[in-house]
């Protein structure tokens, strides 16, 4: 009987030892008398991308896995440095900086390059646009590609030289449809579309100032005032200027 009791006691002790490990294989040490809030559980497995760790990562590593809010200027810089793409409303596809010709022509034999760039809030919505002055093949400036940040997406709009010229710091510019149809305009963007608003212009033999029918002399005076406005600052398309403007 004593031998049987000894064996039984030994078995009970073995079971108690085995119960000291949890089902995940972690050793759990409970302090007798400690409250549940004082007990430190085993470290959980943290999955970061493809890397698996058996401990909590440092704060620097954890931040890399969180979404980072980017400013429009930093997004523009990424596009200009060919690190990401924009959506061209004219080509109807995402483009990078090596594909700008597709926003200007359907002829795949042409190449395009940026001559100058400017940063300006064209539509006065509080968000800057980037204007890329474009050269197509050996031609001089043929027009501009305007990059506009809207709802976490950058849209690109192609505006040829007669549509968009002599840009001023207030966002107004000169546009011409023909010899008898030209004037001062502004522009607004709405994702896949844009709208050009004629402000002060000539329509054949009629003249308008601030959208109101006016005498030719009043129109000419308004044109002179427009000419005297400060033009937007254009930067040569160099890495130094990109770093300086988009810092």
C-alpha atoms as a PDB file:
ATOM      1  CA  UNK A   1       0.000   0.000   0.000  1.00  0.00           C
ATOM      2  CA  UNK A   2       2.803   2.404   0.863  1.00  0.00           C
ATOM      3  CA  UNK A   3       4.547   1.507  -2.417  1.00  0.00           C
ATOM      4  CA  UNK A   4       1.335   2.219  -4.349  1.00  0.00           C
ATOM      5  CA  UNK A   5       0.933   5.610  -2.623  1.00  0.00           C
ATOM      6  CA  UNK A   6       4.512   6.524  -3.426  1.00  0.00           C
ATOM      7  CA  UNK A   7       4.025   5.706  -7.092  1.00  0.00           C
ATOM      8  CA  UNK A   8       0.772   7.686  -7.166  1.00  0.00           C
ATOM      9  CA  UNK A   9       2.447  10.719  -5.584  1.00  0.00           C
ATOM     10  CA  UNK A  10       5.265  10.510  -8.136  1.00  0.00           C
ATOM     11  CA  UNK A  11       2.783  10.483 -11.031  1.00  0.00           C
ATOM     12  CA  UNK A  12       0.945  13.496  -9.622  1.00  0.00           C
ATOM     13  CA  UNK A  13       4.223  15.422  -9.383  1.00  0.00           C
ATOM     14  CA  UNK A  14       5.072  14.592 -12.995  1.00  0.00           C
ATOM     15  CA  UNK A  15       1.679  15.845 -14.162  1.00  0.00           C
ATOM     16  CA  UNK A  16       2.170  19.094 -12.257  1.00  0.00           C
ATOM     17  CA  UNK A  17       5.549  19.654 -13.910  1.00  0.00           C
ATOM     18  CA  UNK A  18       4.114  19.009 -17.366  1.00  0.00           C
ATOM     19  CA  UNK A  19       1.329  21.509 -16.739  1.00  0.00           C
ATOM     20  CA  UNK A  20       3.972  24.206 -16.259  1.00  0.00           C
ATOM     21  CA  UNK A  21       4.100  24.725 -20.067  1.00  0.00           C
ATOM     22  CA  UNK A  22       1.246  26.203 -22.088  1.00  0.00           C
ATOM     23  CA  UNK A  23       0.039  24.804 -25.365  1.00  0.00           C
ATOM     24  CA  UNK A  24       2.271  27.231 -27.365  1.00  0.00           C
ATOM     25  CA  UNK A  25       5.419  25.987 -25.710  1.00  0.00           C
ATOM     26  CA  UNK A  26       6.030  29.169 -23.699  1.00  0.00           C
ATOM     27  CA  UNK A  27       7.181  28.794 -20.107  1.00  0.00           C
ATOM     28  CA  UNK A  28       4.712  30.645 -17.904  1.00  0.00           C
ATOM     29  CA  UNK A  29       5.768  31.623 -14.418  1.00  0.00           C
ATOM     30  CA  UNK A  30       3.008  32.747 -12.103  1.00  0.00           C
ATOM     31  CA  UNK A  31       3.891  34.592  -8.962  1.00  0.00           C
ATOM     32  CA  UNK A  32       1.811  33.118  -6.160  1.00  0.00           C
ATOM     33  CA  UNK A  33      -0.507  35.800  -4.868  1.00  0.00           C
ATOM     34  CA  UNK A  34      -0.039  38.094  -7.870  1.00  0.00           C
ATOM     35  CA  UNK A  35      -3.118  39.696  -9.383  1.00  0.00           C
ATOM     36  CA  UNK A  36      -4.002  38.904 -13.011  1.00  0.00           C
ATOM     37  CA  UNK A  37      -2.855  42.415 -14.071  1.00  0.00           C
ATOM     38  CA  UNK A  38       0.632  41.725 -12.721  1.00  0.00           C
ATOM     39  CA  UNK A  39       1.170  38.609 -14.841  1.00  0.00           C
ATOM     40  CA  UNK A  40       3.278  39.124 -17.968  1.00  0.00           C
ATOM     41  CA  UNK A  41       2.055  36.918 -20.831  1.00  0.00           C
ATOM     42  CA  UNK A  42       4.473  35.375 -23.317  1.00  0.00           C
ATOM     43  CA  UNK A  43       5.494  37.574 -26.254  1.00  0.00           C
ATOM     44  CA  UNK A  44       3.214  37.219 -29.246  1.00  0.00           C
ATOM     45  CA  UNK A  45       4.424  36.641 -32.778  1.00  0.00           C
ATOM     46  CA  UNK A  46       4.555  39.912 -34.728  1.00  0.00           C
ATOM     47  CA  UNK A  47       4.334  39.650 -38.510  1.00  0.00           C
ATOM     48  CA  UNK A  48       5.788  42.621 -40.423  1.00  0.00           C
ATOM     49  CA  UNK A  49       5.656  42.047 -44.154  1.00  0.00           C
ATOM     50  CA  UNK A  50       7.495  38.797 -44.709  1.00  0.00           C
ATOM     51  CA  UNK A  51       9.550  39.042 -41.558  1.00  0.00           C
ATOM     52  CA  UNK A  52       8.468  37.094 -38.489  1.00  0.00           C
ATOM     53  CA  UNK A  53       9.698  38.042 -35.040  1.00  0.00           C
ATOM     54  CA  UNK A  54       9.043  36.448 -31.677  1.00  0.00           C
ATOM     55  CA  UNK A  55       9.171  39.770 -29.890  1.00  0.00           C
ATOM     56  CA  UNK A  56       7.658  43.215 -30.196  1.00  0.00           C
ATOM     57  CA  UNK A  57       9.580  45.265 -32.802  1.00  0.00           C
ATOM     58  CA  UNK A  58      11.192  48.571 -31.971  1.00  0.00           C
ATOM     59  CA  UNK A  59       9.142  51.720 -32.510  1.00  0.00           C
ATOM     60  CA  UNK A  60      11.198  52.600 -35.628  1.00  0.00           C
ATOM     61  CA  UNK A  61      10.398  49.247 -37.231  1.00  0.00           C
ATOM     62  CA  UNK A  62       6.741  49.482 -36.276  1.00  0.00           C
ATOM     63  CA  UNK A  63       6.400  52.932 -37.855  1.00  0.00           C
ATOM     64  CA  UNK A  64       7.664  51.593 -41.149  1.00  0.00           C
ATOM     65  CA  UNK A  65       4.667  49.271 -41.310  1.00  0.00           C
ATOM     66  CA  UNK A  66       2.122  52.042 -40.675  1.00  0.00           C
ATOM     67  CA  UNK A  67       0.561  54.162 -43.472  1.00  0.00           C
ATOM     68  CA  UNK A  68       2.418  57.447 -43.847  1.00  0.00           C
ATOM     69  CA  UNK A  69       0.481  60.562 -44.839  1.00  0.00           C
ATOM     70  CA  UNK A  70       2.290  62.331 -47.673  1.00  0.00           C
ATOM     71  CA  UNK A  71       2.027  66.010 -48.502  1.00  0.00           C
ATOM     72  CA  UNK A  72       1.163  66.994 -52.086  1.00  0.00           C
ATOM     73  CA  UNK A  73       4.652  68.460 -52.521  1.00  0.00           C
ATOM     74  CA  UNK A  74       6.350  65.207 -51.500  1.00  0.00           C
ATOM     75  CA  UNK A  75       4.095  63.284 -53.888  1.00  0.00           C
ATOM     76  CA  UNK A  76       4.949  65.694 -56.716  1.00  0.00           C
ATOM     77  CA  UNK A  77       8.625  65.256 -55.961  1.00  0.00           C
ATOM     78  CA  UNK A  78       8.274  61.487 -56.172  1.00  0.00           C
ATOM     79  CA  UNK A  79       6.653  61.827 -59.590  1.00  0.00           C
ATOM     80  CA  UNK A  80       9.251  64.276 -60.906  1.00  0.00           C
ATOM     81  CA  UNK A  81      12.065  62.020 -59.695  1.00  0.00           C
ATOM     82  CA  UNK A  82      10.370  59.100 -61.449  1.00  0.00           C
ATOM     83  CA  UNK A  83       9.667  57.192 -58.242  1.00  0.00           C
ATOM     84  CA  UNK A  84       5.913  57.017 -58.815  1.00  0.00           C
ATOM     85  CA  UNK A  85       3.278  57.717 -61.484  1.00  0.00           C
ATOM     86  CA  UNK A  86       0.435  60.137 -62.149  1.00  0.00           C
ATOM     87  CA  UNK A  87      -2.815  59.640 -64.039  1.00  0.00           C
ATOM     88  CA  UNK A  88      -2.837  61.418 -67.397  1.00  0.00           C
ATOM     89  CA  UNK A  89      -6.367  62.475 -68.307  1.00  0.00           C
ATOM     90  CA  UNK A  90      -5.288  62.820 -71.940  1.00  0.00           C
ATOM     91  CA  UNK A  91      -3.536  59.464 -72.306  1.00  0.00           C
ATOM     92  CA  UNK A  92      -6.150  57.919 -69.975  1.00  0.00           C
ATOM     93  CA  UNK A  93      -3.528  55.893 -68.152  1.00  0.00           C
ATOM     94  CA  UNK A  94      -0.875  56.114 -65.475  1.00  0.00           C
ATOM     95  CA  UNK A  95       2.394  57.562 -66.739  1.00  0.00           C
ATOM     96  CA  UNK A  96       5.856  58.068 -65.337  1.00  0.00           C
ATOM     97  CA  UNK A  97       8.360  60.719 -66.355  1.00  0.00           C
ATOM     98  CA  UNK A  98       9.774  58.568 -69.160  1.00  0.00           C
ATOM     99  CA  UNK A  99       6.337  58.380 -70.814  1.00  0.00           C
ATOM    100  CA  UNK A 100       5.345  62.055 -70.987  1.00  0.00           C
ATOM    101  CA  UNK A 101       5.149  62.020 -74.792  1.00  0.00           C
ATOM    102  CA  UNK A 102       2.015  59.877 -74.494  1.00  0.00           C
ATOM    103  CA  UNK A 103       0.266  62.827 -72.848  1.00  0.00           C
ATOM    104  CA  UNK A 104       1.169  65.060 -75.815  1.00  0.00           C
ATOM    105  CA  UNK A 105       0.762  62.890 -78.899  1.00  0.00           C
ATOM    106  CA  UNK A 106      -0.410  59.458 -80.010  1.00  0.00           C
ATOM    107  CA  UNK A 107       2.661  59.174 -82.260  1.00  0.00           C
ATOM    108  CA  UNK A 108       5.000  56.802 -80.439  1.00  0.00           C
ATOM    109  CA  UNK A 109       7.998  57.973 -82.468  1.00  0.00           C
ATOM    110  CA  UNK A 110       8.218  61.268 -80.552  1.00  0.00           C
ATOM    111  CA  UNK A 111      10.072  61.851 -77.309  1.00  0.00           C
ATOM    112  CA  UNK A 112       9.247  64.552 -74.789  1.00  0.00           C
ATOM    113  CA  UNK A 113      11.264  66.379 -72.158  1.00  0.00           C
ATOM    114  CA  UNK A 114      10.638  68.950 -69.446  1.00  0.00           C
ATOM    115  CA  UNK A 115      12.270  72.331 -69.982  1.00  0.00           C
ATOM    116  CA  UNK A 116      11.040  74.291 -66.977  1.00  0.00           C
ATOM    117  CA  UNK A 117       8.640  73.851 -64.090  1.00  0.00           C
ATOM    118  CA  UNK A 118       6.603  76.104 -61.831  1.00  0.00           C
ATOM    119  CA  UNK A 119       4.676  75.615 -58.590  1.00  0.00           C
ATOM    120  CA  UNK A 120       1.448  77.582 -58.196  1.00  0.00           C
ATOM    121  CA  UNK A 121      -2.069  77.217 -56.818  1.00  0.00           C
ATOM    122  CA  UNK A 122      -3.838  77.607 -60.151  1.00  0.00           C
ATOM    123  CA  UNK A 123      -7.417  77.121 -58.979  1.00  0.00           C
ATOM    124  CA  UNK A 124      -7.043  78.819 -55.581  1.00  0.00           C
ATOM    125  CA  UNK A 125      -8.161  75.773 -53.595  1.00  0.00           C
ATOM    126  CA  UNK A 126      -5.221  75.894 -51.189  1.00  0.00           C
ATOM    127  CA  UNK A 127      -3.308  73.051 -52.890  1.00  0.00           C
ATOM    128  CA  UNK A 128      -0.401  73.823 -55.182  1.00  0.00           C
ATOM    129  CA  UNK A 129      -0.196  72.510 -58.728  1.00  0.00           C
ATOM    130  CA  UNK A 130       3.006  71.758 -60.618  1.00  0.00           C
ATOM    131  CA  UNK A 131       3.294  72.990 -64.186  1.00  0.00           C
ATOM    132  CA  UNK A 132       5.768  71.180 -66.430  1.00  0.00           C
ATOM    133  CA  UNK A 133       6.752  73.138 -69.549  1.00  0.00           C
ATOM    134  CA  UNK A 134       7.203  70.535 -72.262  1.00  0.00           C
ATOM    135  CA  UNK A 135       9.349  70.130 -75.346  1.00  0.00           C
ATOM    136  CA  UNK A 136       8.350  67.551 -77.947  1.00  0.00           C
ATOM    137  CA  UNK A 137      11.216  66.156 -80.026  1.00  0.00           C
ATOM    138  CA  UNK A 138      13.178  69.118 -81.476  1.00  0.00           C
ATOM    139  CA  UNK A 139      10.297  71.565 -81.232  1.00  0.00           C
ATOM    140  CA  UNK A 140      10.353  74.475 -78.831  1.00  0.00           C
ATOM    141  CA  UNK A 141       7.834  74.638 -76.004  1.00  0.00           C
ATOM    142  CA  UNK A 142       4.650  72.965 -77.212  1.00  0.00           C
ATOM    143  CA  UNK A 143       2.641  73.273 -74.029  1.00  0.00           C
ATOM    144  CA  UNK A 144       2.405  72.169 -70.431  1.00  0.00           C
ATOM    145  CA  UNK A 145       1.434  69.196 -68.349  1.00  0.00           C
ATOM    146  CA  UNK A 146      -0.255  70.371 -65.159  1.00  0.00           C
ATOM    147  CA  UNK A 147      -0.071  68.020 -62.175  1.00  0.00           C
ATOM    148  CA  UNK A 148      -2.910  68.436 -59.684  1.00  0.00           C
ATOM    149  CA  UNK A 149      -3.189  66.575 -56.357  1.00  0.00           C
ATOM    150  CA  UNK A 150      -6.800  65.614 -55.600  1.00  0.00           C
ATOM    151  CA  UNK A 151      -8.006  63.039 -53.051  1.00  0.00           C
ATOM    152  CA  UNK A 152      -4.646  61.254 -52.761  1.00  0.00           C
ATOM    153  CA  UNK A 153      -4.260  61.007 -56.556  1.00  0.00           C
ATOM    154  CA  UNK A 154      -2.239  63.187 -58.911  1.00  0.00           C
ATOM    155  CA  UNK A 155      -3.981  63.947 -62.195  1.00  0.00           C
ATOM    156  CA  UNK A 156      -2.163  65.299 -65.222  1.00  0.00           C
ATOM    157  CA  UNK A 157      -3.729  67.699 -67.751  1.00  0.00           C
ATOM    158  CA  UNK A 158      -2.159  68.572 -71.107  1.00  0.00           C
ATOM    159  CA  UNK A 159      -2.567  72.221 -72.118  1.00  0.00           C
ATOM    160  CA  UNK A 160      -1.007  73.343 -75.382  1.00  0.00           C
ATOM    161  CA  UNK A 161       0.693  76.685 -75.738  1.00  0.00           C
ATOM    162  CA  UNK A 162      -2.281  78.533 -77.246  1.00  0.00           C
ATOM    163  CA  UNK A 163      -4.503  77.277 -74.424  1.00  0.00           C
ATOM    164  CA  UNK A 164      -2.157  78.176 -71.612  1.00  0.00           C
ATOM    165  CA  UNK A 165       0.488  80.879 -71.915  1.00  0.00           C
ATOM    166  CA  UNK A 166       1.944  83.852 -70.033  1.00  0.00           C
ATOM    167  CA  UNK A 167       1.049  82.440 -66.614  1.00  0.00           C
ATOM    168  CA  UNK A 168       0.785  84.978 -63.776  1.00  0.00           C
ATOM    169  CA  UNK A 169       1.248  84.481 -60.033  1.00  0.00           C
ATOM    170  CA  UNK A 170      -2.498  84.886 -59.439  1.00  0.00           C
ATOM    171  CA  UNK A 171      -3.192  81.830 -61.627  1.00  0.00           C
ATOM    172  CA  UNK A 172      -4.523  83.750 -64.621  1.00  0.00           C
ATOM    173  CA  UNK A 173      -3.064  83.172 -68.090  1.00  0.00           C
ATOM    174  CA  UNK A 174      -3.453  84.017 -71.751  1.00  0.00           C
ATOM    175  CA  UNK A 175      -5.428  81.740 -74.053  1.00  0.00           C
ATOM    176  CA  UNK A 176      -6.178  82.075 -77.728  1.00  0.00           C
ATOM    177  CA  UNK A 177      -8.644  80.199 -79.919  1.00  0.00           C
ATOM    178  CA  UNK A 178      -8.047  82.352 -82.987  1.00  0.00           C
ATOM    179  CA  UNK A 179      -6.917  85.857 -83.956  1.00  0.00           C
ATOM    180  CA  UNK A 180     -10.295  87.240 -82.966  1.00  0.00           C
ATOM    181  CA  UNK A 181     -10.901  85.051 -79.931  1.00  0.00           C
ATOM    182  CA  UNK A 182      -8.405  85.409 -77.101  1.00  0.00           C
ATOM    183  CA  UNK A 183      -8.001  86.792 -73.627  1.00  0.00           C
ATOM    184  CA  UNK A 184      -7.338  86.286 -69.920  1.00  0.00           C
ATOM    185  CA  UNK A 185      -8.542  83.041 -68.384  1.00  0.00           C
ATOM    186  CA  UNK A 186      -8.452  80.947 -65.228  1.00  0.00           C
ATOM    187  CA  UNK A 187      -8.778  77.206 -64.778  1.00  0.00           C
ATOM    188  CA  UNK A 188     -10.371  74.714 -62.383  1.00  0.00           C
ATOM    189  CA  UNK A 189      -9.677  70.995 -62.059  1.00  0.00           C
ATOM    190  CA  UNK A 190     -12.053  68.199 -61.168  1.00  0.00           C
ATOM    191  CA  UNK A 191     -10.229  64.872 -61.396  1.00  0.00           C
ATOM    192  CA  UNK A 192     -10.759  63.663 -64.977  1.00  0.00           C
ATOM    193  CA  UNK A 193     -11.838  67.055 -66.309  1.00  0.00           C
ATOM    194  CA  UNK A 194     -10.923  70.727 -66.209  1.00  0.00           C
ATOM    195  CA  UNK A 195     -12.759  73.938 -67.079  1.00  0.00           C
ATOM    196  CA  UNK A 196     -11.246  77.123 -68.508  1.00  0.00           C
ATOM    197  CA  UNK A 197     -13.105  80.277 -67.500  1.00  0.00           C
ATOM    198  CA  UNK A 198     -12.792  83.274 -69.817  1.00  0.00           C
ATOM    199  CA  UNK A 199     -12.519  86.405 -67.677  1.00  0.00           C
ATOM    200  CA  UNK A 200     -11.445  89.285 -69.892  1.00  0.00           C
ATOM    201  CA  UNK A 201     -11.435  88.507 -73.595  1.00  0.00           C
ATOM    202  CA  UNK A 202     -12.174  89.442 -77.161  1.00  0.00           C
ATOM    203  CA  UNK A 203     -14.763  87.499 -79.130  1.00  0.00           C
ATOM    204  CA  UNK A 204     -14.490  88.711 -82.720  1.00  0.00           C
ATOM    205  CA  UNK A 205     -15.671  92.326 -82.555  1.00  0.00           C
ATOM    206  CA  UNK A 206     -17.032  92.092 -79.010  1.00  0.00           C
ATOM    207  CA  UNK A 207     -15.018  92.833 -75.882  1.00  0.00           C
ATOM    208  CA  UNK A 208     -15.517  91.624 -72.307  1.00  0.00           C
ATOM    209  CA  UNK A 209     -13.920  92.650 -69.024  1.00  0.00           C
ATOM    210  CA  UNK A 210     -14.605  90.524 -65.972  1.00  0.00           C
ATOM    211  CA  UNK A 211     -17.185  88.680 -68.128  1.00  0.00           C
ATOM    212  CA  UNK A 212     -19.108  91.921 -68.767  1.00  0.00           C
ATOM    213  CA  UNK A 213     -19.537  93.465 -72.229  1.00  0.00           C
ATOM    214  CA  UNK A 214     -17.208  96.462 -72.430  1.00  0.00           C
ATOM    215  CA  UNK A 215     -15.835  99.069 -74.788  1.00  0.00           C
ATOM    216  CA  UNK A 216     -12.620  98.275 -76.662  1.00  0.00           C
ATOM    217  CA  UNK A 217     -10.754 100.984 -74.749  1.00  0.00           C
ATOM    218  CA  UNK A 218     -11.714  99.431 -71.404  1.00  0.00           C
ATOM    219  CA  UNK A 219     -10.639  96.040 -72.699  1.00  0.00           C
ATOM    220  CA  UNK A 220      -7.246  97.394 -73.796  1.00  0.00           C
ATOM    221  CA  UNK A 221      -6.736  98.982 -70.378  1.00  0.00           C
ATOM    222  CA  UNK A 222      -7.494  95.636 -68.692  1.00  0.00           C
ATOM    223  CA  UNK A 223      -5.004  93.953 -71.031  1.00  0.00           C
ATOM    224  CA  UNK A 224      -2.310  96.425 -70.049  1.00  0.00           C
ATOM    225  CA  UNK A 225      -2.974  95.779 -66.362  1.00  0.00           C
ATOM    226  CA  UNK A 226      -2.673  92.033 -66.999  1.00  0.00           C
ATOM    227  CA  UNK A 227       0.654  92.508 -68.777  1.00  0.00           C
ATOM    228  CA  UNK A 228       2.017  94.351 -65.745  1.00  0.00           C
ATOM    229  CA  UNK A 229       1.153  91.524 -63.334  1.00  0.00           C
ATOM    230  CA  UNK A 230       4.019  89.454 -61.982  1.00  0.00           C
ATOM    231  CA  UNK A 231       4.680  86.328 -64.001  1.00  0.00           C
ATOM    232  CA  UNK A 232       5.057  82.976 -62.280  1.00  0.00           C
ATOM    233  CA  UNK A 233       8.619  81.918 -61.496  1.00  0.00           C
ATOM    234  CA  UNK A 234       9.924  79.251 -63.825  1.00  0.00           C
ATOM    235  CA  UNK A 235      12.741  76.951 -62.743  1.00  0.00           C
ATOM    236  CA  UNK A 236      15.100  75.089 -65.009  1.00  0.00           C
ATOM    237  CA  UNK A 237      14.391  71.389 -64.753  1.00  0.00           C
ATOM    238  CA  UNK A 238      17.503  70.386 -62.796  1.00  0.00           C
ATOM    239  CA  UNK A 239      18.011  68.146 -59.792  1.00  0.00           C
ATOM    240  CA  UNK A 240      19.279  71.097 -57.738  1.00  0.00           C
ATOM    241  CA  UNK A 241      16.112  73.084 -58.395  1.00  0.00           C
ATOM    242  CA  UNK A 242      13.920  70.056 -57.676  1.00  0.00           C
ATOM    243  CA  UNK A 243      15.592  69.589 -54.296  1.00  0.00           C
ATOM    244  CA  UNK A 244      15.340  73.301 -53.504  1.00  0.00           C
ATOM    245  CA  UNK A 245      11.678  73.731 -54.454  1.00  0.00           C
ATOM    246  CA  UNK A 246      10.329  70.402 -53.154  1.00  0.00           C
ATOM    247  CA  UNK A 247      12.287  70.210 -49.897  1.00  0.00           C
END
